[in-house]
N, C-alpha and C. Protein backbone atom coordinates (compact mmCIF):
# COMPACT_ATOMS: atom_id res chain seq x y z
N MET A 1 -99.50 -19.17 -6.16
CA MET A 1 -99.87 -17.85 -5.69
C MET A 1 -99.73 -17.79 -4.18
N PHE A 2 -99.31 -16.67 -3.67
CA PHE A 2 -99.17 -16.49 -2.24
C PHE A 2 -100.21 -15.49 -1.78
N HIS A 3 -100.83 -15.78 -0.67
CA HIS A 3 -101.82 -14.86 -0.11
C HIS A 3 -101.44 -14.57 1.32
N SER A 4 -101.28 -13.29 1.66
CA SER A 4 -100.98 -12.94 3.03
C SER A 4 -102.26 -12.77 3.85
N ASP A 5 -103.40 -12.77 3.19
CA ASP A 5 -104.68 -12.66 3.88
C ASP A 5 -105.62 -13.65 3.21
N ILE A 6 -106.04 -14.70 3.92
CA ILE A 6 -106.81 -15.77 3.30
C ILE A 6 -108.19 -15.30 2.85
N ASN A 7 -108.63 -14.14 3.29
CA ASN A 7 -109.94 -13.64 2.88
C ASN A 7 -109.90 -12.89 1.55
N GLN A 8 -108.72 -12.69 1.00
CA GLN A 8 -108.59 -12.00 -0.26
C GLN A 8 -108.06 -12.97 -1.30
N SER A 9 -108.43 -12.77 -2.55
CA SER A 9 -107.85 -13.56 -3.62
C SER A 9 -106.96 -12.66 -4.45
N SER A 10 -106.00 -13.26 -5.14
CA SER A 10 -105.08 -12.44 -5.93
C SER A 10 -105.79 -11.91 -7.17
N ALA A 11 -105.29 -10.81 -7.66
CA ALA A 11 -105.87 -10.18 -8.84
C ALA A 11 -105.48 -10.92 -10.11
N GLY A 12 -104.42 -11.67 -10.09
CA GLY A 12 -103.98 -12.40 -11.28
C GLY A 12 -102.92 -13.42 -10.92
N GLU A 13 -102.60 -14.28 -11.86
CA GLU A 13 -101.62 -15.34 -11.64
C GLU A 13 -100.30 -14.78 -11.14
N GLY A 14 -99.78 -15.37 -10.06
CA GLY A 14 -98.47 -14.99 -9.55
C GLY A 14 -98.44 -13.72 -8.74
N GLN A 15 -99.59 -13.10 -8.52
CA GLN A 15 -99.60 -11.88 -7.73
C GLN A 15 -99.92 -12.20 -6.28
N ILE A 16 -99.64 -11.25 -5.43
CA ILE A 16 -99.82 -11.43 -4.00
C ILE A 16 -100.97 -10.55 -3.53
N ALA A 17 -101.85 -11.12 -2.74
CA ALA A 17 -102.90 -10.33 -2.11
C ALA A 17 -102.32 -9.77 -0.81
N HIS A 18 -102.41 -8.49 -0.61
CA HIS A 18 -101.83 -7.85 0.56
C HIS A 18 -102.92 -7.54 1.59
N SER A 19 -102.55 -7.67 2.84
CA SER A 19 -103.46 -7.36 3.92
C SER A 19 -103.71 -5.85 3.95
N THR A 20 -104.90 -5.45 4.38
CA THR A 20 -105.21 -4.03 4.49
C THR A 20 -104.95 -3.51 5.90
N ASP A 21 -104.43 -4.35 6.78
CA ASP A 21 -104.12 -3.97 8.16
C ASP A 21 -102.88 -3.08 8.16
N THR A 22 -103.06 -1.78 8.42
CA THR A 22 -101.94 -0.84 8.38
C THR A 22 -101.15 -0.82 9.68
N THR A 23 -101.63 -1.48 10.73
CA THR A 23 -100.90 -1.52 12.00
C THR A 23 -99.97 -2.72 12.08
N ALA A 24 -100.07 -3.65 11.17
CA ALA A 24 -99.25 -4.86 11.20
C ALA A 24 -97.81 -4.54 10.81
N VAL A 25 -96.89 -5.27 11.42
CA VAL A 25 -95.46 -5.11 11.16
C VAL A 25 -94.98 -6.29 10.32
N ASN A 26 -94.14 -6.01 9.34
CA ASN A 26 -93.55 -7.09 8.55
C ASN A 26 -92.46 -7.77 9.36
N ALA A 27 -92.64 -9.04 9.63
CA ALA A 27 -91.57 -9.82 10.26
C ALA A 27 -90.52 -10.15 9.21
N LEU A 28 -90.99 -10.48 8.02
CA LEU A 28 -90.10 -10.82 6.90
C LEU A 28 -90.50 -10.02 5.67
N GLU A 29 -89.51 -9.48 5.00
CA GLU A 29 -89.72 -8.82 3.71
C GLU A 29 -88.78 -9.49 2.72
N ILE A 30 -89.34 -10.16 1.75
CA ILE A 30 -88.56 -10.87 0.74
C ILE A 30 -88.58 -10.02 -0.52
N LYS A 31 -87.39 -9.68 -1.02
CA LYS A 31 -87.28 -8.78 -2.17
C LYS A 31 -86.41 -9.42 -3.26
N ASN A 32 -87.01 -9.60 -4.43
CA ASN A 32 -86.28 -10.10 -5.60
C ASN A 32 -85.43 -11.32 -5.27
N LEU A 33 -86.03 -12.28 -4.57
CA LEU A 33 -85.32 -13.49 -4.16
C LEU A 33 -85.23 -14.47 -5.33
N ASN A 34 -84.02 -14.90 -5.60
CA ASN A 34 -83.75 -15.94 -6.59
C ASN A 34 -82.95 -17.02 -5.88
N PHE A 35 -83.25 -18.28 -6.18
CA PHE A 35 -82.52 -19.38 -5.54
C PHE A 35 -82.08 -20.36 -6.61
N PHE A 36 -80.85 -20.83 -6.45
CA PHE A 36 -80.25 -21.72 -7.44
C PHE A 36 -79.74 -23.00 -6.79
N TYR A 37 -80.02 -24.11 -7.46
CA TYR A 37 -79.40 -25.40 -7.18
C TYR A 37 -78.38 -25.58 -8.30
N GLY A 38 -77.15 -25.19 -8.07
CA GLY A 38 -76.18 -25.20 -9.17
C GLY A 38 -76.62 -24.20 -10.22
N SER A 39 -76.82 -24.67 -11.46
CA SER A 39 -77.27 -23.77 -12.53
C SER A 39 -78.80 -23.75 -12.67
N PHE A 40 -79.50 -24.64 -11.95
CA PHE A 40 -80.97 -24.67 -12.02
C PHE A 40 -81.56 -23.62 -11.08
N GLN A 41 -82.44 -22.78 -11.61
CA GLN A 41 -83.08 -21.74 -10.81
C GLN A 41 -84.38 -22.27 -10.24
N GLY A 42 -84.42 -22.44 -8.90
CA GLY A 42 -85.59 -22.98 -8.23
C GLY A 42 -86.61 -21.92 -7.85
N LEU A 43 -86.17 -20.70 -7.60
CA LEU A 43 -87.06 -19.58 -7.28
C LEU A 43 -86.64 -18.40 -8.15
N LYS A 44 -87.63 -17.66 -8.64
CA LYS A 44 -87.32 -16.54 -9.53
C LYS A 44 -88.08 -15.29 -9.09
N ASN A 45 -87.33 -14.27 -8.70
CA ASN A 45 -87.86 -12.94 -8.38
C ASN A 45 -89.06 -12.98 -7.43
N ILE A 46 -88.89 -13.63 -6.29
CA ILE A 46 -89.96 -13.69 -5.29
C ILE A 46 -89.96 -12.40 -4.48
N ASN A 47 -91.12 -11.79 -4.36
CA ASN A 47 -91.34 -10.60 -3.54
C ASN A 47 -92.53 -10.88 -2.65
N LEU A 48 -92.32 -10.80 -1.35
CA LEU A 48 -93.38 -11.19 -0.42
C LEU A 48 -93.13 -10.57 0.95
N ASN A 49 -94.15 -10.04 1.57
CA ASN A 49 -94.08 -9.59 2.96
C ASN A 49 -94.86 -10.57 3.82
N ILE A 50 -94.27 -10.93 4.95
CA ILE A 50 -94.94 -11.82 5.90
C ILE A 50 -95.09 -11.04 7.20
N LEU A 51 -96.34 -10.85 7.60
CA LEU A 51 -96.65 -10.05 8.78
C LEU A 51 -96.40 -10.84 10.06
N GLU A 52 -95.96 -10.11 11.08
CA GLU A 52 -95.79 -10.78 12.38
C GLU A 52 -97.15 -11.11 12.97
N ARG A 53 -97.18 -12.15 13.77
CA ARG A 53 -98.38 -12.59 14.49
C ARG A 53 -99.55 -12.94 13.55
N ARG A 54 -99.22 -13.41 12.36
CA ARG A 54 -100.22 -13.84 11.40
C ARG A 54 -99.84 -15.24 10.91
N VAL A 55 -100.82 -15.96 10.43
CA VAL A 55 -100.56 -17.26 9.81
C VAL A 55 -100.45 -17.03 8.31
N THR A 56 -99.38 -17.52 7.73
CA THR A 56 -99.18 -17.43 6.29
C THR A 56 -99.01 -18.84 5.76
N ALA A 57 -99.75 -19.20 4.74
CA ALA A 57 -99.67 -20.54 4.17
C ALA A 57 -99.12 -20.47 2.75
N PHE A 58 -98.25 -21.41 2.43
CA PHE A 58 -97.75 -21.57 1.07
C PHE A 58 -98.44 -22.80 0.51
N ILE A 59 -99.25 -22.61 -0.51
CA ILE A 59 -100.03 -23.70 -1.08
C ILE A 59 -99.71 -23.80 -2.56
N GLY A 60 -99.44 -25.01 -3.01
CA GLY A 60 -99.15 -25.22 -4.42
C GLY A 60 -98.77 -26.66 -4.68
N PRO A 61 -98.66 -27.02 -5.94
CA PRO A 61 -98.34 -28.40 -6.29
C PRO A 61 -96.90 -28.77 -5.91
N SER A 62 -96.66 -30.05 -5.87
CA SER A 62 -95.32 -30.57 -5.59
C SER A 62 -94.33 -29.99 -6.59
N GLY A 63 -93.18 -29.55 -6.07
CA GLY A 63 -92.12 -29.06 -6.95
C GLY A 63 -92.23 -27.61 -7.34
N CYS A 64 -93.17 -26.85 -6.75
CA CYS A 64 -93.35 -25.46 -7.17
C CYS A 64 -92.46 -24.48 -6.40
N GLY A 65 -91.74 -24.95 -5.36
CA GLY A 65 -90.81 -24.08 -4.64
C GLY A 65 -91.20 -23.73 -3.22
N LYS A 66 -92.26 -24.32 -2.69
CA LYS A 66 -92.70 -23.99 -1.32
C LYS A 66 -91.60 -24.30 -0.30
N SER A 67 -91.10 -25.52 -0.33
CA SER A 67 -90.06 -25.92 0.63
C SER A 67 -88.76 -25.16 0.39
N THR A 68 -88.44 -24.92 -0.86
CA THR A 68 -87.23 -24.16 -1.17
C THR A 68 -87.32 -22.77 -0.55
N LEU A 69 -88.46 -22.12 -0.69
CA LEU A 69 -88.64 -20.80 -0.09
C LEU A 69 -88.49 -20.87 1.43
N LEU A 70 -89.12 -21.85 2.06
CA LEU A 70 -89.01 -21.98 3.51
C LEU A 70 -87.57 -22.17 3.95
N ARG A 71 -86.82 -22.99 3.23
CA ARG A 71 -85.43 -23.27 3.60
C ARG A 71 -84.54 -22.04 3.46
N THR A 72 -84.92 -21.10 2.60
CA THR A 72 -84.12 -19.88 2.50
C THR A 72 -84.27 -19.01 3.74
N LEU A 73 -85.38 -19.16 4.46
CA LEU A 73 -85.66 -18.28 5.59
C LEU A 73 -84.74 -18.50 6.78
N ASN A 74 -84.08 -19.66 6.86
CA ASN A 74 -83.05 -19.81 7.90
C ASN A 74 -81.74 -20.31 7.31
N ARG A 75 -81.59 -20.11 6.02
CA ARG A 75 -80.36 -20.40 5.28
C ARG A 75 -79.90 -21.84 5.42
N MET A 76 -80.84 -22.77 5.41
CA MET A 76 -80.47 -24.18 5.46
C MET A 76 -79.63 -24.57 4.26
N TYR A 77 -79.80 -23.88 3.16
CA TYR A 77 -79.06 -24.21 1.94
C TYR A 77 -77.56 -24.02 2.10
N ASP A 78 -77.13 -23.23 3.09
CA ASP A 78 -75.69 -23.02 3.33
C ASP A 78 -74.96 -24.34 3.57
N LEU A 79 -75.69 -25.34 4.02
CA LEU A 79 -75.09 -26.63 4.35
C LEU A 79 -74.84 -27.50 3.13
N TYR A 80 -75.33 -27.08 1.97
CA TYR A 80 -75.24 -27.90 0.76
C TYR A 80 -74.45 -27.17 -0.32
N PRO A 81 -73.38 -27.79 -0.82
CA PRO A 81 -72.57 -27.13 -1.85
C PRO A 81 -73.39 -26.87 -3.12
N GLY A 82 -73.10 -25.75 -3.76
CA GLY A 82 -73.73 -25.43 -5.04
C GLY A 82 -75.08 -24.75 -4.94
N GLN A 83 -75.61 -24.58 -3.72
CA GLN A 83 -76.89 -23.90 -3.56
C GLN A 83 -76.63 -22.47 -3.11
N ARG A 84 -77.40 -21.53 -3.68
CA ARG A 84 -77.20 -20.13 -3.29
C ARG A 84 -78.49 -19.33 -3.47
N ALA A 85 -78.60 -18.28 -2.68
CA ALA A 85 -79.73 -17.36 -2.77
C ALA A 85 -79.20 -15.98 -3.13
N GLU A 86 -79.98 -15.26 -3.91
CA GLU A 86 -79.67 -13.88 -4.28
C GLU A 86 -80.90 -13.04 -4.02
N GLY A 87 -80.69 -11.78 -3.71
CA GLY A 87 -81.79 -10.88 -3.39
C GLY A 87 -81.72 -10.50 -1.93
N GLU A 88 -82.87 -10.25 -1.33
CA GLU A 88 -82.91 -9.85 0.09
C GLU A 88 -84.00 -10.63 0.81
N ILE A 89 -83.67 -11.02 2.03
CA ILE A 89 -84.67 -11.51 2.98
C ILE A 89 -84.42 -10.72 4.26
N ASN A 90 -85.28 -9.75 4.53
CA ASN A 90 -85.12 -8.91 5.71
C ASN A 90 -85.98 -9.46 6.84
N PHE A 91 -85.33 -9.81 7.94
CA PHE A 91 -85.99 -10.30 9.14
C PHE A 91 -85.96 -9.16 10.15
N TYR A 92 -87.11 -8.53 10.35
CA TYR A 92 -87.21 -7.32 11.17
C TYR A 92 -86.15 -6.30 10.76
N GLY A 93 -86.04 -6.09 9.45
CA GLY A 93 -85.17 -5.05 8.91
C GLY A 93 -83.73 -5.45 8.64
N GLU A 94 -83.31 -6.63 9.04
CA GLU A 94 -81.93 -7.06 8.86
C GLU A 94 -81.86 -8.11 7.75
N ASN A 95 -81.05 -7.83 6.72
CA ASN A 95 -80.93 -8.75 5.58
C ASN A 95 -80.14 -9.99 6.00
N ILE A 96 -80.83 -11.11 6.11
CA ILE A 96 -80.19 -12.35 6.58
C ILE A 96 -79.32 -13.00 5.50
N LEU A 97 -79.39 -12.51 4.27
CA LEU A 97 -78.57 -13.09 3.20
C LEU A 97 -77.19 -12.46 3.11
N GLU A 98 -76.94 -11.40 3.86
CA GLU A 98 -75.63 -10.76 3.82
C GLU A 98 -74.56 -11.71 4.34
N LYS A 99 -73.39 -11.65 3.71
CA LYS A 99 -72.26 -12.46 4.17
C LYS A 99 -71.88 -12.05 5.59
N GLY A 100 -71.41 -13.00 6.36
CA GLY A 100 -70.96 -12.72 7.71
C GLY A 100 -72.05 -12.79 8.77
N LYS A 101 -73.28 -13.06 8.37
CA LYS A 101 -74.36 -13.18 9.35
C LYS A 101 -74.15 -14.44 10.19
N ASP A 102 -74.49 -14.36 11.46
CA ASP A 102 -74.39 -15.51 12.36
C ASP A 102 -75.59 -16.42 12.09
N VAL A 103 -75.38 -17.46 11.28
CA VAL A 103 -76.50 -18.33 10.91
C VAL A 103 -77.00 -19.15 12.09
N ASN A 104 -76.15 -19.41 13.07
CA ASN A 104 -76.62 -20.13 14.26
C ASN A 104 -77.61 -19.28 15.05
N LEU A 105 -77.32 -18.00 15.19
CA LEU A 105 -78.27 -17.09 15.84
C LEU A 105 -79.56 -17.00 15.01
N LEU A 106 -79.42 -16.88 13.70
CA LEU A 106 -80.59 -16.83 12.82
C LEU A 106 -81.45 -18.07 13.01
N ARG A 107 -80.83 -19.25 13.00
CA ARG A 107 -81.58 -20.50 13.13
C ARG A 107 -82.19 -20.66 14.52
N SER A 108 -81.66 -19.97 15.51
CA SER A 108 -82.30 -20.01 16.83
C SER A 108 -83.54 -19.12 16.86
N ARG A 109 -83.64 -18.17 15.92
CA ARG A 109 -84.79 -17.27 15.84
C ARG A 109 -85.81 -17.70 14.80
N ILE A 110 -85.35 -18.40 13.75
CA ILE A 110 -86.24 -18.91 12.70
C ILE A 110 -85.99 -20.40 12.60
N GLY A 111 -86.84 -21.19 13.26
CA GLY A 111 -86.67 -22.64 13.27
C GLY A 111 -87.51 -23.30 12.20
N MET A 112 -87.18 -24.53 11.91
CA MET A 112 -87.90 -25.31 10.90
C MET A 112 -88.28 -26.67 11.49
N VAL A 113 -89.50 -27.09 11.21
CA VAL A 113 -89.96 -28.43 11.57
C VAL A 113 -90.54 -29.03 10.30
N PHE A 114 -90.08 -30.23 9.96
CA PHE A 114 -90.51 -30.87 8.72
C PHE A 114 -91.30 -32.13 9.02
N GLN A 115 -92.08 -32.58 8.03
CA GLN A 115 -92.87 -33.80 8.19
C GLN A 115 -91.98 -35.01 8.40
N LYS A 116 -90.87 -35.05 7.71
CA LYS A 116 -89.92 -36.15 7.83
C LYS A 116 -88.64 -35.62 8.44
N PRO A 117 -87.91 -36.45 9.19
CA PRO A 117 -86.62 -35.99 9.73
C PRO A 117 -85.71 -35.51 8.59
N THR A 118 -85.10 -34.38 8.80
CA THR A 118 -84.21 -33.81 7.79
C THR A 118 -82.84 -33.56 8.42
N PRO A 119 -82.00 -34.59 8.46
CA PRO A 119 -80.68 -34.39 9.06
C PRO A 119 -79.79 -33.53 8.17
N PHE A 120 -78.80 -32.90 8.80
CA PHE A 120 -77.81 -32.16 8.03
C PHE A 120 -76.95 -33.16 7.27
N PRO A 121 -76.28 -32.73 6.20
CA PRO A 121 -75.48 -33.65 5.39
C PRO A 121 -74.18 -34.04 6.09
N MET A 122 -74.31 -34.80 7.17
CA MET A 122 -73.16 -35.27 7.95
C MET A 122 -73.58 -36.55 8.67
N SER A 123 -72.68 -37.15 9.40
CA SER A 123 -72.98 -38.41 10.09
C SER A 123 -74.05 -38.22 11.17
N ILE A 124 -74.63 -39.33 11.61
CA ILE A 124 -75.62 -39.27 12.69
C ILE A 124 -74.98 -38.67 13.93
N TYR A 125 -73.78 -39.10 14.26
CA TYR A 125 -73.06 -38.57 15.41
C TYR A 125 -72.93 -37.05 15.30
N GLU A 126 -72.47 -36.57 14.14
CA GLU A 126 -72.27 -35.13 13.95
C GLU A 126 -73.58 -34.36 14.00
N ASN A 127 -74.68 -34.94 13.51
CA ASN A 127 -75.99 -34.29 13.60
C ASN A 127 -76.40 -34.09 15.05
N ILE A 128 -76.16 -35.09 15.88
CA ILE A 128 -76.53 -34.98 17.29
C ILE A 128 -75.61 -34.01 18.01
N ALA A 129 -74.32 -34.08 17.72
CA ALA A 129 -73.34 -33.24 18.40
C ALA A 129 -73.43 -31.77 17.96
N PHE A 130 -74.00 -31.52 16.80
CA PHE A 130 -74.03 -30.17 16.23
C PHE A 130 -74.62 -29.14 17.19
N GLY A 131 -75.81 -29.39 17.69
CA GLY A 131 -76.47 -28.44 18.59
C GLY A 131 -75.75 -28.30 19.91
N VAL A 132 -75.24 -29.40 20.42
CA VAL A 132 -74.51 -29.37 21.70
C VAL A 132 -73.29 -28.48 21.57
N ARG A 133 -72.57 -28.59 20.48
CA ARG A 133 -71.35 -27.80 20.29
C ARG A 133 -71.62 -26.30 20.22
N LEU A 134 -72.82 -25.92 19.83
CA LEU A 134 -73.15 -24.49 19.77
C LEU A 134 -73.17 -23.85 21.15
N TYR A 135 -73.51 -24.63 22.17
CA TYR A 135 -73.74 -24.05 23.50
C TYR A 135 -72.86 -24.62 24.60
N GLU A 136 -72.16 -25.72 24.33
CA GLU A 136 -71.34 -26.33 25.37
C GLU A 136 -69.99 -26.74 24.80
N ARG A 137 -68.99 -26.71 25.66
CA ARG A 137 -67.66 -27.20 25.30
C ARG A 137 -67.42 -28.48 26.08
N LEU A 138 -67.55 -29.60 25.39
CA LEU A 138 -67.38 -30.90 26.03
C LEU A 138 -66.14 -31.60 25.49
N SER A 139 -65.54 -32.41 26.34
CA SER A 139 -64.43 -33.24 25.88
C SER A 139 -64.98 -34.30 24.93
N LYS A 140 -64.10 -34.97 24.21
CA LYS A 140 -64.53 -36.04 23.29
C LYS A 140 -65.30 -37.10 24.05
N ALA A 141 -64.81 -37.49 25.22
CA ALA A 141 -65.48 -38.53 26.02
C ALA A 141 -66.87 -38.06 26.47
N GLU A 142 -66.97 -36.79 26.90
CA GLU A 142 -68.26 -36.25 27.32
C GLU A 142 -69.24 -36.16 26.14
N MET A 143 -68.73 -35.76 24.97
CA MET A 143 -69.58 -35.68 23.79
C MET A 143 -70.05 -37.07 23.38
N ASP A 144 -69.15 -38.05 23.42
CA ASP A 144 -69.53 -39.43 23.09
C ASP A 144 -70.66 -39.90 24.01
N GLU A 145 -70.52 -39.58 25.29
CA GLU A 145 -71.54 -39.97 26.27
C GLU A 145 -72.87 -39.27 25.98
N ARG A 146 -72.82 -37.97 25.65
CA ARG A 146 -74.03 -37.20 25.35
C ARG A 146 -74.73 -37.74 24.10
N VAL A 147 -73.96 -38.05 23.06
CA VAL A 147 -74.54 -38.58 21.82
C VAL A 147 -75.17 -39.94 22.08
N GLU A 148 -74.49 -40.79 22.83
CA GLU A 148 -75.05 -42.11 23.15
C GLU A 148 -76.34 -41.95 23.96
N TRP A 149 -76.35 -41.03 24.91
CA TRP A 149 -77.55 -40.76 25.72
C TRP A 149 -78.71 -40.35 24.81
N ALA A 150 -78.45 -39.44 23.87
CA ALA A 150 -79.50 -38.96 22.96
C ALA A 150 -80.02 -40.09 22.08
N LEU A 151 -79.14 -40.92 21.59
CA LEU A 151 -79.57 -42.06 20.76
C LEU A 151 -80.43 -43.03 21.56
N ASN A 152 -80.05 -43.28 22.81
CA ASN A 152 -80.85 -44.17 23.67
C ASN A 152 -82.22 -43.56 23.95
N LYS A 153 -82.27 -42.25 24.22
CA LYS A 153 -83.55 -41.57 24.48
C LYS A 153 -84.47 -41.64 23.27
N ALA A 154 -83.87 -41.66 22.08
CA ALA A 154 -84.66 -41.74 20.84
C ALA A 154 -84.90 -43.18 20.42
N ALA A 155 -84.52 -44.11 21.28
CA ALA A 155 -84.68 -45.55 21.03
C ALA A 155 -83.97 -45.98 19.75
N LEU A 156 -82.81 -45.41 19.52
CA LEU A 156 -82.02 -45.79 18.34
C LEU A 156 -80.80 -46.55 18.79
């Protein structure tokens, strides 16, 4: 169950308790979200509003879809073949699931921090170089130097 206001309880299983604050703005509006790992459906018909400047917690047992839902919010699944989302996720009115969206801009606005390091499905070198390439144009030698510097700073 998802609760947008911790002081309210849901009326029934799978329902959402909505805040009564009429001045609050929805930062995210999730509509009929379905998520698939290949043919396995990990999320089914999720509908949820997340208010700006509020704390929202996803609480549930292991394997219930909490992390899957979070990963859809900045389209991390795009990096993995066979994973797809259907429905709408509107971030301040803009559907981030539409084709052609700049996912790098999206990820700069909706970041993720995990308990364990979660590298992208590529080499260590490419994981480090990934962010640098978004904002700088470096020669191969300069990139090699930057990656080595980052590894040394991380004591790796």
